Amino acid sequence: MVQQQLEMVFDIDVIDTQFEKLAESVLGQCVPQVMLKLKRILLNQSLANTCME
């Protein structure tokens, strides 16, 4: 269970990094605030999903 959670967090980090690079190249400097909100949403969703399992 813990290992599964760690793998999920790692996957989110990888996806997050890729998304951040993409967003920066597309949107330029208005990205950081949007990214912070999106990260919170993604993190909350993933935590909710692991708790449900």
PDB file of N, CA and C in Angstrom:
ATOM      1  N   MET A   1       0.831  -1.205   0.000  1.00  0.00           N
ATOM      2  CA  MET A   1       0.000   0.000   0.000  1.00  0.00           C
ATOM      3  C   MET A   1       0.869   1.260   0.000  1.00  0.00           C
ATOM      4  N   VAL A   2       1.833   1.319   0.915  1.00  0.00           N
ATOM      5  CA  VAL A   2       2.713   2.491   0.980  1.00  0.00           C
ATOM      6  C   VAL A   2       3.522   2.612  -0.303  1.00  0.00           C
ATOM      7  N   GLN A   3       4.031   1.470  -0.781  1.00  0.00           N
ATOM      8  CA  GLN A   3       4.816   1.504  -2.015  1.00  0.00           C
ATOM      9  C   GLN A   3       3.958   1.995  -3.175  1.00  0.00           C
ATOM     10  N   GLN A   4       2.722   1.551  -3.218  1.00  0.00           N
ATOM     11  CA  GLN A   4       1.809   1.992  -4.274  1.00  0.00           C
ATOM     12  C   GLN A   4       1.615   3.508  -4.205  1.00  0.00           C
ATOM     13  N   GLN A   5       1.471   4.034  -3.005  1.00  0.00           N
ATOM     14  CA  GLN A   5       1.316   5.480  -2.847  1.00  0.00           C
ATOM     15  C   GLN A   5       2.568   6.208  -3.318  1.00  0.00           C
ATOM     16  N   LEU A   6       3.733   5.681  -2.978  1.00  0.00           N
ATOM     17  CA  LEU A   6       4.978   6.301  -3.409  1.00  0.00           C
ATOM     18  C   LEU A   6       5.083   6.293  -4.928  1.00  0.00           C
ATOM     19  N   GLU A   7       4.704   5.176  -5.548  1.00  0.00           N
ATOM     20  CA  GLU A   7       4.737   5.101  -7.003  1.00  0.00           C
ATOM     21  C   GLU A   7       3.795   6.135  -7.607  1.00  0.00           C
ATOM     22  N   MET A   8       2.634   6.286  -7.010  1.00  0.00           N
ATOM     23  CA  MET A   8       1.686   7.281  -7.513  1.00  0.00           C
ATOM     24  C   MET A   8       2.255   8.685  -7.408  1.00  0.00           C
ATOM     25  N   VAL A   9       2.872   8.988  -6.279  1.00  0.00           N
ATOM     26  CA  VAL A   9       3.466  10.312  -6.093  1.00  0.00           C
ATOM     27  C   VAL A   9       4.560  10.533  -7.122  1.00  0.00           C
ATOM     28  N   PHE A  10       5.378   9.504  -7.360  1.00  0.00           N
ATOM     29  CA  PHE A  10       6.444   9.623  -8.348  1.00  0.00           C
ATOM     30  C   PHE A  10       5.860   9.880  -9.731  1.00  0.00           C
ATOM     31  N   ASP A  11       4.831   9.117 -10.095  1.00  0.00           N
ATOM     32  CA  ASP A  11       4.187   9.310 -11.396  1.00  0.00           C
ATOM     33  C   ASP A  11       3.652  10.727 -11.529  1.00  0.00           C
ATOM     34  N   ILE A  12       3.042  11.223 -10.465  1.00  0.00           N
ATOM     35  CA  ILE A  12       2.508  12.583 -10.498  1.00  0.00           C
ATOM     36  C   ILE A  12       3.642  13.583 -10.690  1.00  0.00           C
ATOM     37  N   ASP A  13       4.773  13.360 -10.020  1.00  0.00           N
ATOM     38  CA  ASP A  13       5.921  14.251 -10.192  1.00  0.00           C
ATOM     39  C   ASP A  13       6.385  14.281 -11.637  1.00  0.00           C
ATOM     40  N   VAL A  14       6.473  13.111 -12.253  1.00  0.00           N
ATOM     41  CA  VAL A  14       6.921  13.032 -13.647  1.00  0.00           C
ATOM     42  C   VAL A  14       5.934  13.764 -14.548  1.00  0.00           C
ATOM     43  N   ILE A  15       4.659  13.468 -14.381  1.00  0.00           N
ATOM     44  CA  ILE A  15       3.618  14.122 -15.186  1.00  0.00           C
ATOM     45  C   ILE A  15       3.652  15.627 -14.945  1.00  0.00           C
ATOM     46  N   ASP A  16       3.789  16.001 -13.687  1.00  0.00           N
ATOM     47  CA  ASP A  16       3.816  17.398 -13.289  1.00  0.00           C
ATOM     48  C   ASP A  16       4.947  18.138 -13.982  1.00  0.00           C
ATOM     49  N   THR A  17       6.138  17.545 -13.988  1.00  0.00           N
ATOM     50  CA  THR A  17       7.301  18.165 -14.612  1.00  0.00           C
ATOM     51  C   THR A  17       7.074  18.350 -16.102  1.00  0.00           C
ATOM     52  N   GLN A  18       6.572  17.306 -16.754  1.00  0.00           N
ATOM     53  CA  GLN A  18       6.300  17.391 -18.187  1.00  0.00           C
ATOM     54  C   GLN A  18       5.267  18.474 -18.478  1.00  0.00           C
ATOM     55  N   PHE A  19       4.214  18.489 -17.674  1.00  0.00           N
ATOM     56  CA  PHE A  19       3.152  19.471 -17.882  1.00  0.00           C
ATOM     57  C   PHE A  19       3.683  20.884 -17.678  1.00  0.00           C
ATOM     58  N   GLU A  20       4.520  21.045 -16.664  1.00  0.00           N
ATOM     59  CA  GLU A  20       5.077  22.362 -16.369  1.00  0.00           C
ATOM     60  C   GLU A  20       5.916  22.867 -17.540  1.00  0.00           C
ATOM     61  N   LYS A  21       6.746  21.991 -18.101  1.00  0.00           N
ATOM     62  CA  LYS A  21       7.561  22.377 -19.259  1.00  0.00           C
ATOM     63  C   LYS A  21       6.673  22.790 -20.424  1.00  0.00           C
ATOM     64  N   LEU A  22       5.645  21.987 -20.683  1.00  0.00           N
ATOM     65  CA  LEU A  22       4.710  22.286 -21.765  1.00  0.00           C
ATOM     66  C   LEU A  22       4.011  23.618 -21.521  1.00  0.00           C
ATOM     67  N   ALA A  23       3.503  23.786 -20.307  1.00  0.00           N
ATOM     68  CA  ALA A  23       2.763  25.005 -19.976  1.00  0.00           C
ATOM     69  C   ALA A  23       3.656  26.235 -20.095  1.00  0.00           C
ATOM     70  N   GLU A  24       4.892  26.126 -19.646  1.00  0.00           N
ATOM     71  CA  GLU A  24       5.813  27.260 -19.724  1.00  0.00           C
ATOM     72  C   GLU A  24       6.074  27.637 -21.172  1.00  0.00           C
ATOM     73  N   SER A  25       6.266  26.633 -22.024  1.00  0.00           N
ATOM     74  CA  SER A  25       6.560  26.941 -23.417  1.00  0.00           C
ATOM     75  C   SER A  25       5.343  27.546 -24.115  1.00  0.00           C
ATOM     76  N   VAL A  26       4.151  27.137 -23.700  1.00  0.00           N
ATOM     77  CA  VAL A  26       2.936  27.643 -24.347  1.00  0.00           C
ATOM     78  C   VAL A  26       2.524  29.000 -23.780  1.00  0.00           C
ATOM     79  N   LEU A  27       2.545  29.129 -22.468  1.00  0.00           N
ATOM     80  CA  LEU A  27       1.942  30.295 -21.830  1.00  0.00           C
ATOM     81  C   LEU A  27       2.936  31.343 -21.353  1.00  0.00           C
ATOM     82  N   GLY A  28       4.191  30.967 -21.255  1.00  0.00           N
ATOM     83  CA  GLY A  28       5.163  31.940 -20.786  1.00  0.00           C
ATOM     84  C   GLY A  28       5.086  32.184 -19.290  1.00  0.00           C
ATOM     85  N   GLN A  29       4.975  33.433 -18.903  1.00  0.00           N
ATOM     86  CA  GLN A  29       5.171  33.784 -17.490  1.00  0.00           C
ATOM     87  C   GLN A  29       3.930  33.714 -16.619  1.00  0.00           C
ATOM     88  N   CYS A  30       2.742  33.534 -17.198  1.00  0.00           N
ATOM     89  CA  CYS A  30       1.535  33.505 -16.357  1.00  0.00           C
ATOM     90  C   CYS A  30       1.303  32.117 -15.763  1.00  0.00           C
ATOM     91  N   VAL A  31       2.252  31.216 -15.949  1.00  0.00           N
ATOM     92  CA  VAL A  31       2.086  29.822 -15.542  1.00  0.00           C
ATOM     93  C   VAL A  31       2.115  29.585 -14.023  1.00  0.00           C
ATOM     94  N   PRO A  32       3.031  30.170 -13.257  1.00  0.00           N
ATOM     95  CA  PRO A  32       3.210  29.732 -11.858  1.00  0.00           C
ATOM     96  C   PRO A  32       1.938  29.667 -11.022  1.00  0.00           C
ATOM     97  N   GLN A  33       1.083  30.696 -11.071  1.00  0.00           N
ATOM     98  CA  GLN A  33      -0.146  30.665 -10.263  1.00  0.00           C
ATOM     99  C   GLN A  33      -1.068  29.540 -10.699  1.00  0.00           C
ATOM    100  N   VAL A  34      -1.208  29.376 -12.005  1.00  0.00           N
ATOM    101  CA  VAL A  34      -2.057  28.309 -12.536  1.00  0.00           C
ATOM    102  C   VAL A  34      -1.499  26.959 -12.101  1.00  0.00           C
ATOM    103  N   MET A  35      -0.186  26.804 -12.184  1.00  0.00           N
ATOM    104  CA  MET A  35       0.447  25.533 -11.817  1.00  0.00           C
ATOM    105  C   MET A  35       0.219  25.221 -10.346  1.00  0.00           C
ATOM    106  N   LEU A  36       0.336  26.217  -9.496  1.00  0.00           N
ATOM    107  CA  LEU A  36       0.128  25.980  -8.063  1.00  0.00           C
ATOM    108  C   LEU A  36      -1.284  25.484  -7.797  1.00  0.00           C
ATOM    109  N   LYS A  37      -2.262  26.123  -8.437  1.00  0.00           N
ATOM    110  CA  LYS A  37      -3.648  25.693  -8.243  1.00  0.00           C
ATOM    111  C   LYS A  37      -3.842  24.288  -8.775  1.00  0.00           C
ATOM    112  N   LEU A  38      -3.279  24.022  -9.946  1.00  0.00           N
ATOM    113  CA  LEU A  38      -3.432  22.706 -10.571  1.00  0.00           C
ATOM    114  C   LEU A  38      -2.764  21.628  -9.720  1.00  0.00           C
ATOM    115  N   LYS A  39      -1.584  21.928  -9.199  1.00  0.00           N
ATOM    116  CA  LYS A  39      -0.880  20.963  -8.344  1.00  0.00           C
ATOM    117  C   LYS A  39      -1.721  20.617  -7.122  1.00  0.00           C
ATOM    118  N   ARG A  40      -2.317  21.624  -6.517  1.00  0.00           N
ATOM    119  CA  ARG A  40      -3.155  21.370  -5.342  1.00  0.00           C
ATOM    120  C   ARG A  40      -4.325  20.472  -5.699  1.00  0.00           C
ATOM    121  N   ILE A  41      -4.952  20.753  -6.838  1.00  0.00           N
ATOM    122  CA  ILE A  41      -6.100  19.946  -7.270  1.00  0.00           C
ATOM    123  C   ILE A  41      -5.655  18.513  -7.528  1.00  0.00           C
ATOM    124  N   LEU A  42      -4.557  18.350  -8.277  1.00  0.00           N
ATOM    125  CA  LEU A  42      -4.064  17.009  -8.604  1.00  0.00           C
ATOM    126  C   LEU A  42      -3.692  16.247  -7.342  1.00  0.00           C
ATOM    127  N   LEU A  43      -3.004  16.920  -6.433  1.00  0.00           N
ATOM    128  CA  LEU A  43      -2.569  16.272  -5.205  1.00  0.00           C
ATOM    129  C   LEU A  43      -3.774  15.857  -4.363  1.00  0.00           C
ATOM    130  N   ASN A  44      -4.730  16.752  -4.234  1.00  0.00           N
ATOM    131  CA  ASN A  44      -5.936  16.431  -3.467  1.00  0.00           C
ATOM    132  C   ASN A  44      -6.677  15.262  -4.082  1.00  0.00           C
ATOM    133  N   GLN A  45      -6.771  15.229  -5.402  1.00  0.00           N
ATOM    134  CA  GLN A  45      -7.460  14.133  -6.083  1.00  0.00           C
ATOM    135  C   GLN A  45      -6.729  12.823  -5.860  1.00  0.00           C
ATOM    136  N   SER A  46      -5.417  12.836  -6.019  1.00  0.00           N
ATOM    137  CA  SER A  46      -4.663  11.587  -5.877  1.00  0.00           C
ATOM    138  C   SER A  46      -4.724  11.082  -4.439  1.00  0.00           C
ATOM    139  N   LEU A  47      -4.668  11.986  -3.470  1.00  0.00           N
ATOM    140  CA  LEU A  47      -4.779  11.577  -2.072  1.00  0.00           C
ATOM    141  C   LEU A  47      -6.164  11.010  -1.795  1.00  0.00           C
ATOM    142  N   ALA A  48      -7.192  11.649  -2.339  1.00  0.00           N
ATOM    143  CA  ALA A  48      -8.558  11.159  -2.152  1.00  0.00           C
ATOM    144  C   ALA A  48      -8.697   9.772  -2.771  1.00  0.00           C
ATOM    145  N   ASN A  49      -8.118   9.593  -3.944  1.00  0.00           N
ATOM    146  CA  ASN A  49      -8.217   8.299  -4.626  1.00  0.00           C
ATOM    147  C   ASN A  49      -7.522   7.196  -3.842  1.00  0.00           C
ATOM    148  N   THR A  50      -6.340   7.474  -3.280  1.00  0.00           N
ATOM    149  CA  THR A  50      -5.631   6.431  -2.541  1.00  0.00           C
ATOM    150  C   THR A  50      -6.354   6.114  -1.241  1.00  0.00           C
ATOM    151  N   CYS A  51      -6.979   7.096  -0.640  1.00  0.00           N
ATOM    152  CA  CYS A  51      -7.724   6.846   0.600  1.00  0.00           C
ATOM    153  C   CYS A  51      -8.952   5.981   0.337  1.00  0.00           C
ATOM    154  N   MET A  52      -9.534   6.111  -0.844  1.00  0.00           N
ATOM    155  CA  MET A  52     -10.746   5.366  -1.181  1.00  0.00           C
ATOM    156  C   MET A  52     -10.444   3.888  -1.402  1.00  0.00           C
ATOM    157  N   GLU A  53      -9.213   3.568  -1.831  1.00  0.00           N
ATOM    158  CA  GLU A  53      -8.886   2.180  -2.190  1.00  0.00           C
ATOM    159  C   GLU A  53      -8.857   1.267  -0.974  1.00  0.00           C
TER     160      GLU A  53
END
